[in-house]
N, C-alpha and C. Protein backbone atom coordinates (compact mmCIF):
# COMPACT_ATOMS: atom_id res chain seq x y z
N MET A 1 -9.25 8.84 -12.05
CA MET A 1 -8.24 7.95 -11.59
C MET A 1 -7.03 8.76 -11.16
N VAL A 2 -6.42 8.35 -10.07
CA VAL A 2 -5.22 8.99 -9.56
C VAL A 2 -4.08 7.99 -9.67
N THR A 3 -2.97 8.39 -10.24
CA THR A 3 -1.79 7.54 -10.34
C THR A 3 -0.65 8.23 -9.62
N GLN A 4 0.02 7.50 -8.74
CA GLN A 4 1.16 8.03 -8.03
C GLN A 4 2.38 7.25 -8.48
N SER A 5 3.43 7.92 -8.87
CA SER A 5 4.65 7.27 -9.34
C SER A 5 5.86 7.81 -8.60
N ALA A 6 6.87 6.96 -8.46
CA ALA A 6 8.13 7.38 -7.85
C ALA A 6 9.25 6.57 -8.47
N GLU A 7 10.36 7.21 -8.74
CA GLU A 7 11.56 6.54 -9.22
C GLU A 7 12.72 6.98 -8.36
N TYR A 8 13.53 6.03 -7.95
CA TYR A 8 14.68 6.32 -7.10
C TYR A 8 15.95 5.89 -7.81
N ARG A 9 17.07 6.47 -7.44
CA ARG A 9 18.34 6.14 -8.07
C ARG A 9 19.04 4.97 -7.40
N ALA A 10 18.59 4.60 -6.24
CA ALA A 10 19.22 3.50 -5.51
C ALA A 10 18.14 2.68 -4.82
N ALA A 11 18.52 1.48 -4.41
CA ALA A 11 17.57 0.64 -3.68
C ALA A 11 17.18 1.32 -2.37
N VAL A 12 15.94 1.11 -1.94
CA VAL A 12 15.44 1.70 -0.70
C VAL A 12 14.74 0.63 0.13
N SER A 13 14.67 0.87 1.43
CA SER A 13 13.94 0.00 2.35
C SER A 13 12.91 0.84 3.06
N GLY A 14 11.82 0.20 3.48
CA GLY A 14 10.81 0.92 4.22
C GLY A 14 9.67 0.02 4.63
N ASP A 15 8.76 0.58 5.38
CA ASP A 15 7.58 -0.14 5.84
C ASP A 15 6.39 0.21 4.96
N VAL A 16 5.60 -0.79 4.64
CA VAL A 16 4.37 -0.60 3.88
C VAL A 16 3.21 -0.99 4.80
N ARG A 17 2.20 -0.14 4.84
CA ARG A 17 1.03 -0.41 5.67
C ARG A 17 -0.21 -0.33 4.81
N ALA A 18 -1.09 -1.31 4.95
CA ALA A 18 -2.34 -1.33 4.19
C ALA A 18 -3.50 -1.61 5.13
N SER A 19 -4.62 -0.96 4.85
CA SER A 19 -5.85 -1.16 5.63
C SER A 19 -7.01 -1.34 4.67
N VAL A 20 -7.98 -2.13 5.09
CA VAL A 20 -9.19 -2.31 4.30
C VAL A 20 -10.40 -2.10 5.19
N ARG A 21 -11.50 -1.71 4.56
CA ARG A 21 -12.77 -1.61 5.28
C ARG A 21 -13.88 -1.87 4.29
N GLY A 22 -14.99 -2.34 4.78
CA GLY A 22 -16.12 -2.66 3.91
C GLY A 22 -17.38 -2.00 4.39
N SER A 23 -18.43 -2.18 3.64
CA SER A 23 -19.70 -1.55 4.00
C SER A 23 -20.49 -2.40 5.00
N LEU A 24 -20.14 -3.68 5.13
CA LEU A 24 -20.81 -4.54 6.11
C LEU A 24 -20.07 -4.50 7.43
N ALA A 25 -20.79 -4.81 8.52
CA ALA A 25 -20.17 -4.83 9.84
C ALA A 25 -19.12 -5.93 9.90
N ASP A 26 -17.98 -5.63 10.49
CA ASP A 26 -16.88 -6.59 10.60
C ASP A 26 -16.73 -6.97 12.07
N PRO A 27 -16.93 -8.23 12.41
CA PRO A 27 -16.84 -8.63 13.82
C PRO A 27 -15.41 -8.61 14.37
N ASP A 28 -14.40 -8.66 13.52
CA ASP A 28 -13.01 -8.66 13.97
C ASP A 28 -12.20 -7.68 13.13
N GLN A 29 -12.16 -6.43 13.54
CA GLN A 29 -11.47 -5.40 12.78
C GLN A 29 -9.96 -5.43 12.99
N ARG A 30 -9.47 -6.26 13.91
CA ARG A 30 -8.03 -6.33 14.16
C ARG A 30 -7.26 -6.88 12.97
N ASP A 31 -7.92 -7.66 12.11
CA ASP A 31 -7.20 -8.26 10.97
C ASP A 31 -7.39 -7.47 9.68
N ASN A 32 -7.80 -6.22 9.79
CA ASN A 32 -8.02 -5.39 8.61
C ASN A 32 -6.82 -4.51 8.26
N THR A 33 -5.76 -4.57 9.05
CA THR A 33 -4.57 -3.76 8.82
C THR A 33 -3.34 -4.65 8.89
N ALA A 34 -2.40 -4.43 7.99
CA ALA A 34 -1.15 -5.19 8.00
C ALA A 34 0.01 -4.26 7.69
N THR A 35 1.16 -4.57 8.24
CA THR A 35 2.39 -3.81 7.98
C THR A 35 3.49 -4.80 7.62
N ALA A 36 4.28 -4.45 6.62
CA ALA A 36 5.40 -5.31 6.20
C ALA A 36 6.59 -4.45 5.85
N ARG A 37 7.77 -4.96 6.12
CA ARG A 37 9.02 -4.28 5.75
C ARG A 37 9.42 -4.77 4.37
N ILE A 38 9.75 -3.86 3.46
CA ILE A 38 10.16 -4.26 2.12
C ILE A 38 11.46 -3.58 1.74
N ARG A 39 12.16 -4.19 0.81
CA ARG A 39 13.36 -3.59 0.21
C ARG A 39 13.15 -3.60 -1.29
N VAL A 40 13.21 -2.43 -1.89
CA VAL A 40 12.99 -2.29 -3.33
C VAL A 40 14.36 -2.26 -4.01
N LEU A 41 14.61 -3.25 -4.87
CA LEU A 41 15.91 -3.35 -5.52
C LEU A 41 15.93 -2.71 -6.90
N GLN A 42 14.83 -2.75 -7.61
CA GLN A 42 14.70 -2.06 -8.90
C GLN A 42 13.65 -0.99 -8.70
N PRO A 43 14.06 0.17 -8.21
CA PRO A 43 13.14 1.16 -7.69
C PRO A 43 12.33 1.94 -8.72
N LYS A 44 11.20 1.39 -9.08
CA LYS A 44 10.20 2.12 -9.86
C LYS A 44 8.84 1.68 -9.32
N LEU A 45 8.03 2.63 -8.92
CA LEU A 45 6.77 2.33 -8.27
C LEU A 45 5.65 3.13 -8.92
N THR A 46 4.59 2.46 -9.30
CA THR A 46 3.39 3.11 -9.81
C THR A 46 2.20 2.52 -9.05
N VAL A 47 1.40 3.37 -8.44
CA VAL A 47 0.24 2.94 -7.67
C VAL A 47 -1.00 3.56 -8.28
N THR A 48 -1.95 2.74 -8.62
CA THR A 48 -3.23 3.23 -9.11
C THR A 48 -4.33 2.61 -8.25
N PRO A 49 -5.37 3.32 -7.94
CA PRO A 49 -6.41 2.79 -7.07
C PRO A 49 -7.38 1.86 -7.80
N LYS A 50 -6.90 0.70 -8.21
CA LYS A 50 -7.78 -0.26 -8.86
C LYS A 50 -8.69 -0.95 -7.88
N VAL A 51 -8.26 -1.05 -6.62
CA VAL A 51 -9.09 -1.69 -5.60
C VAL A 51 -9.86 -0.66 -4.80
N GLY A 52 -9.22 0.45 -4.50
CA GLY A 52 -9.88 1.49 -3.71
C GLY A 52 -9.07 2.77 -3.79
N THR A 53 -9.60 3.84 -3.27
CA THR A 53 -8.92 5.12 -3.32
C THR A 53 -7.83 5.17 -2.26
N PRO A 54 -6.70 5.84 -2.54
CA PRO A 54 -5.63 5.95 -1.55
C PRO A 54 -6.11 6.71 -0.32
N GLY A 55 -5.52 6.39 0.82
CA GLY A 55 -5.84 7.10 2.04
C GLY A 55 -6.18 6.19 3.08
């Protein structure tokens, strides 16, 4: 398991992008990626690959 953590001293803003893929053929791959703008007010982040590996 890989855990990535980050702590910041102040609130931060940024873009988050996520993509998914599966082992079966996907007829519409355009909806497999999303991007959202977020603002983190209590900046502590821990990411663990419970759904899939990072990358």
